[in-house]
Amino acid sequence: MYSTPLYYYIPRETIVMAYGNSTRRYQTVYAKTLKLHKGVDNRLQFQLLNQDQKPIDITEKQLFFRIISEDGNQLLFSKVLTPVFALNGIMQLDISYTDILEIPTQYCFYTIELSDGNTDLPVFVDHHSGGRGKLQIVDSV
């Protein structure tokens, strides 16, 4: 009898923020291109760290995830991230297959916005301290 091992993991992207009063000495070197697969439910996690590589408490904050077209002219998708471990700065994005069914396969960008009720701040997700990260929507299933 043959057996095939199957592993399921949730991709987690680490985001380093210039948050608090620490000096800017730690930053993302290689930002991954995130992938969303059409036809299945997708789940992504993000962990926010400060310059000292310590988790940021996001208990009273909201993070908004947006998918933007490659030319930057069209908002394709928007959703609030769900806190998983708010004290450790871990947020999760759950996208059902129906959410991206109408979006064509393409390279596009994603942005994350941090809101605490009073101010809305961009979260810099790129390795060049850019507010837009790379995202690929693929027809994989």
C-alpha atoms as a PDB file:
ATOM      1  CA  MET A   1       0.000   0.000   0.000  1.00  0.00           C
ATOM      2  CA  TYR A   2       1.295   3.412  -0.960  1.00  0.00           C
ATOM      3  CA  SER A   3       0.945   6.512   1.154  1.00  0.00           C
ATOM      4  CA  THR A   4       1.538  10.121   0.290  1.00  0.00           C
ATOM      5  CA  PRO A   5       2.324  12.574   3.064  1.00  0.00           C
ATOM      6  CA  LEU A   6       0.279  15.748   2.914  1.00  0.00           C
ATOM      7  CA  TYR A   7       1.171  18.913   4.813  1.00  0.00           C
ATOM      8  CA  TYR A   8      -0.993  21.935   5.419  1.00  0.00           C
ATOM      9  CA  TYR A   9       0.503  25.162   6.616  1.00  0.00           C
ATOM     10  CA  ILE A  10      -0.619  28.750   6.779  1.00  0.00           C
ATOM     11  CA  PRO A  11       1.829  31.139   5.097  1.00  0.00           C
ATOM     12  CA  ARG A  12       2.863  33.877   7.540  1.00  0.00           C
ATOM     13  CA  GLU A  13       4.398  37.120   6.342  1.00  0.00           C
ATOM     14  CA  THR A  14       6.491  39.074   8.845  1.00  0.00           C
ATOM     15  CA  ILE A  15       6.039  42.837   8.649  1.00  0.00           C
ATOM     16  CA  VAL A  16       8.540  45.109  10.384  1.00  0.00           C
ATOM     17  CA  MET A  17       7.131  48.475  11.442  1.00  0.00           C
ATOM     18  CA  ALA A  18       8.820  51.679  12.497  1.00  0.00           C
ATOM     19  CA  TYR A  19       6.661  51.667  15.610  1.00  0.00           C
ATOM     20  CA  GLY A  20       7.497  53.224  18.971  1.00  0.00           C
ATOM     21  CA  ASN A  21      10.748  54.940  19.844  1.00  0.00           C
ATOM     22  CA  SER A  22      13.292  52.323  18.712  1.00  0.00           C
ATOM     23  CA  THR A  23      15.897  53.201  16.107  1.00  0.00           C
ATOM     24  CA  ARG A  24      15.494  51.955  12.534  1.00  0.00           C
ATOM     25  CA  ARG A  25      17.986  49.132  12.485  1.00  0.00           C
ATOM     26  CA  TYR A  26      15.971  46.075  11.480  1.00  0.00           C
ATOM     27  CA  GLN A  27      13.993  45.827   8.271  1.00  0.00           C
ATOM     28  CA  THR A  28      12.638  43.268   5.853  1.00  0.00           C
ATOM     29  CA  VAL A  29      15.336  42.155   3.433  1.00  0.00           C
ATOM     30  CA  TYR A  30      13.329  39.948   1.090  1.00  0.00           C
ATOM     31  CA  ALA A  31       9.599  40.512   0.765  1.00  0.00           C
ATOM     32  CA  LYS A  32       7.808  37.461  -0.616  1.00  0.00           C
ATOM     33  CA  THR A  33       5.305  37.621  -3.429  1.00  0.00           C
ATOM     34  CA  LEU A  34       2.058  36.374  -1.917  1.00  0.00           C
ATOM     35  CA  LYS A  35      -0.157  34.030  -3.923  1.00  0.00           C
ATOM     36  CA  LEU A  36      -3.910  33.614  -3.875  1.00  0.00           C
ATOM     37  CA  HIS A  37      -5.260  30.499  -5.569  1.00  0.00           C
ATOM     38  CA  LYS A  38      -8.583  30.725  -7.375  1.00  0.00           C
ATOM     39  CA  GLY A  39     -11.083  27.940  -6.757  1.00  0.00           C
ATOM     40  CA  VAL A  40     -10.134  27.278  -3.117  1.00  0.00           C
ATOM     41  CA  ASP A  41     -10.314  29.127   0.190  1.00  0.00           C
ATOM     42  CA  ASN A  42      -7.112  31.022   0.993  1.00  0.00           C
ATOM     43  CA  ARG A  43      -5.673  31.885   4.379  1.00  0.00           C
ATOM     44  CA  LEU A  44      -2.726  34.203   5.009  1.00  0.00           C
ATOM     45  CA  GLN A  45      -1.230  35.373   8.294  1.00  0.00           C
ATOM     46  CA  PHE A  46       0.730  38.514   9.044  1.00  0.00           C
ATOM     47  CA  GLN A  47       2.867  39.180  12.109  1.00  0.00           C
ATOM     48  CA  LEU A  48       3.796  42.739  13.012  1.00  0.00           C
ATOM     49  CA  LEU A  49       7.176  43.301  14.652  1.00  0.00           C
ATOM     50  CA  ASN A  50       8.903  46.464  15.804  1.00  0.00           C
ATOM     51  CA  GLN A  51      12.519  47.430  15.139  1.00  0.00           C
ATOM     52  CA  ASP A  52      13.705  45.308  18.082  1.00  0.00           C
ATOM     53  CA  GLN A  53      12.028  42.223  16.559  1.00  0.00           C
ATOM     54  CA  LYS A  54       9.411  42.206  19.312  1.00  0.00           C
ATOM     55  CA  PRO A  55       5.704  41.652  18.546  1.00  0.00           C
ATOM     56  CA  ILE A  56       3.433  44.688  18.429  1.00  0.00           C
ATOM     57  CA  ASP A  57       0.251  44.554  20.516  1.00  0.00           C
ATOM     58  CA  ILE A  58      -2.679  45.179  18.150  1.00  0.00           C
ATOM     59  CA  THR A  59      -5.483  44.605  20.626  1.00  0.00           C
ATOM     60  CA  GLU A  60      -7.387  47.862  20.000  1.00  0.00           C
ATOM     61  CA  LYS A  61      -6.392  48.223  16.346  1.00  0.00           C
ATOM     62  CA  GLN A  62      -7.858  47.200  12.989  1.00  0.00           C
ATOM     63  CA  LEU A  63      -5.869  46.234   9.934  1.00  0.00           C
ATOM     64  CA  PHE A  64      -7.377  46.522   6.464  1.00  0.00           C
ATOM     65  CA  PHE A  65      -6.096  44.371   3.602  1.00  0.00           C
ATOM     66  CA  ARG A  66      -6.612  45.659   0.054  1.00  0.00           C
ATOM     67  CA  ILE A  67      -5.796  44.206  -3.348  1.00  0.00           C
ATOM     68  CA  ILE A  68      -4.999  46.834  -5.995  1.00  0.00           C
ATOM     69  CA  SER A  69      -4.609  46.313  -9.741  1.00  0.00           C
ATOM     70  CA  GLU A  70      -1.116  46.436 -11.207  1.00  0.00           C
ATOM     71  CA  ASP A  71      -1.597  49.913 -12.653  1.00  0.00           C
ATOM     72  CA  GLY A  72      -2.879  51.139  -9.268  1.00  0.00           C
ATOM     73  CA  ASN A  73      -6.166  52.478 -10.645  1.00  0.00           C
ATOM     74  CA  GLN A  74      -8.629  49.868  -9.398  1.00  0.00           C
ATOM     75  CA  LEU A  75      -9.426  48.417  -5.987  1.00  0.00           C
ATOM     76  CA  LEU A  76     -10.086  44.712  -6.572  1.00  0.00           C
ATOM     77  CA  PHE A  77     -10.740  43.490  -3.018  1.00  0.00           C
ATOM     78  CA  SER A  78     -10.858  44.825   0.544  1.00  0.00           C
ATOM     79  CA  LYS A  79     -11.271  43.063   3.882  1.00  0.00           C
ATOM     80  CA  VAL A  80     -10.510  43.542   7.575  1.00  0.00           C
ATOM     81  CA  LEU A  81      -7.876  41.202   9.006  1.00  0.00           C
ATOM     82  CA  THR A  82      -8.958  38.968  11.886  1.00  0.00           C
ATOM     83  CA  PRO A  83      -6.771  38.943  15.032  1.00  0.00           C
ATOM     84  CA  VAL A  84      -5.437  35.483  15.901  1.00  0.00           C
ATOM     85  CA  PHE A  85      -2.997  36.397  18.679  1.00  0.00           C
ATOM     86  CA  ALA A  86      -3.442  40.144  19.153  1.00  0.00           C
ATOM     87  CA  LEU A  87      -0.786  40.414  21.875  1.00  0.00           C
ATOM     88  CA  ASN A  88       1.764  38.801  19.548  1.00  0.00           C
ATOM     89  CA  GLY A  89       0.734  40.934  16.573  1.00  0.00           C
ATOM     90  CA  ILE A  90      -0.596  38.053  14.477  1.00  0.00           C
ATOM     91  CA  MET A  91      -3.510  38.788  12.152  1.00  0.00           C
ATOM     92  CA  GLN A  92      -5.174  36.480   9.652  1.00  0.00           C
ATOM     93  CA  LEU A  93      -6.841  36.964   6.299  1.00  0.00           C
ATOM     94  CA  ASP A  94      -9.464  34.425   5.226  1.00  0.00           C
ATOM     95  CA  ILE A  95     -10.544  34.695   1.601  1.00  0.00           C
ATOM     96  CA  SER A  96     -13.216  32.319   0.355  1.00  0.00           C
ATOM     97  CA  TYR A  97     -13.099  31.100  -3.212  1.00  0.00           C
ATOM     98  CA  THR A  98     -16.129  33.227  -4.109  1.00  0.00           C
ATOM     99  CA  ASP A  99     -14.332  36.435  -3.045  1.00  0.00           C
ATOM    100  CA  ILE A 100     -11.759  36.258  -5.840  1.00  0.00           C
ATOM    101  CA  LEU A 101     -13.762  34.283  -8.383  1.00  0.00           C
ATOM    102  CA  GLU A 102     -14.476  37.341 -10.546  1.00  0.00           C
ATOM    103  CA  ILE A 103     -10.914  38.720 -10.354  1.00  0.00           C
ATOM    104  CA  PRO A 104      -8.859  37.634 -13.386  1.00  0.00           C
ATOM    105  CA  THR A 105      -5.504  35.917 -12.857  1.00  0.00           C
ATOM    106  CA  GLN A 106      -2.851  38.602 -12.695  1.00  0.00           C
ATOM    107  CA  TYR A 107       0.043  40.157 -10.886  1.00  0.00           C
ATOM    108  CA  CYS A 108      -1.184  42.926  -8.619  1.00  0.00           C
ATOM    109  CA  PHE A 109      -0.362  44.697  -5.358  1.00  0.00           C
ATOM    110  CA  TYR A 110      -1.638  44.493  -1.798  1.00  0.00           C
ATOM    111  CA  THR A 111      -1.631  47.129   0.902  1.00  0.00           C
ATOM    112  CA  ILE A 112      -2.282  46.977   4.631  1.00  0.00           C
ATOM    113  CA  GLU A 113      -3.587  49.928   6.625  1.00  0.00           C
ATOM    114  CA  LEU A 114      -3.415  50.113  10.426  1.00  0.00           C
ATOM    115  CA  SER A 115      -6.205  52.006  12.180  1.00  0.00           C
ATOM    116  CA  ASP A 116      -6.611  52.663  15.888  1.00  0.00           C
ATOM    117  CA  GLY A 117      -9.771  54.754  15.590  1.00  0.00           C
ATOM    118  CA  ASN A 118      -7.994  58.115  15.497  1.00  0.00           C
ATOM    119  CA  THR A 119      -5.325  57.716  12.833  1.00  0.00           C
ATOM    120  CA  ASP A 120      -4.880  55.514   9.780  1.00  0.00           C
ATOM    121  CA  LEU A 121      -1.286  54.536   9.066  1.00  0.00           C
ATOM    122  CA  PRO A 122       0.173  52.647   6.105  1.00  0.00           C
ATOM    123  CA  VAL A 123       1.972  49.430   6.941  1.00  0.00           C
ATOM    124  CA  PHE A 124       5.166  49.146   4.939  1.00  0.00           C
ATOM    125  CA  VAL A 125       5.278  45.626   3.558  1.00  0.00           C
ATOM    126  CA  ASP A 126       7.918  45.863   0.838  1.00  0.00           C
ATOM    127  CA  HIS A 127      11.666  45.408   1.354  1.00  0.00           C
ATOM    128  CA  HIS A 128      12.220  48.941   0.028  1.00  0.00           C
ATOM    129  CA  SER A 129       9.925  50.375   2.736  1.00  0.00           C
ATOM    130  CA  GLY A 130       7.114  50.581   0.228  1.00  0.00           C
ATOM    131  CA  GLY A 131       3.459  50.534   1.114  1.00  0.00           C
ATOM    132  CA  ARG A 132       2.620  48.052  -1.648  1.00  0.00           C
ATOM    133  CA  GLY A 133       3.554  44.404  -1.612  1.00  0.00           C
ATOM    134  CA  LYS A 134       3.436  42.067  -4.602  1.00  0.00           C
ATOM    135  CA  LEU A 135       0.570  39.626  -4.969  1.00  0.00           C
ATOM    136  CA  GLN A 136      -0.201  37.036  -7.612  1.00  0.00           C
ATOM    137  CA  ILE A 137      -3.668  35.619  -8.270  1.00  0.00           C
ATOM    138  CA  VAL A 138      -3.271  32.258  -9.966  1.00  0.00           C
ATOM    139  CA  ASP A 139      -5.593  29.701 -11.558  1.00  0.00           C
ATOM    140  CA  SER A 140      -4.190  26.703  -9.747  1.00  0.00           C
ATOM    141  CA  VAL A 141      -7.102  24.430  -8.938  1.00  0.00           C
END
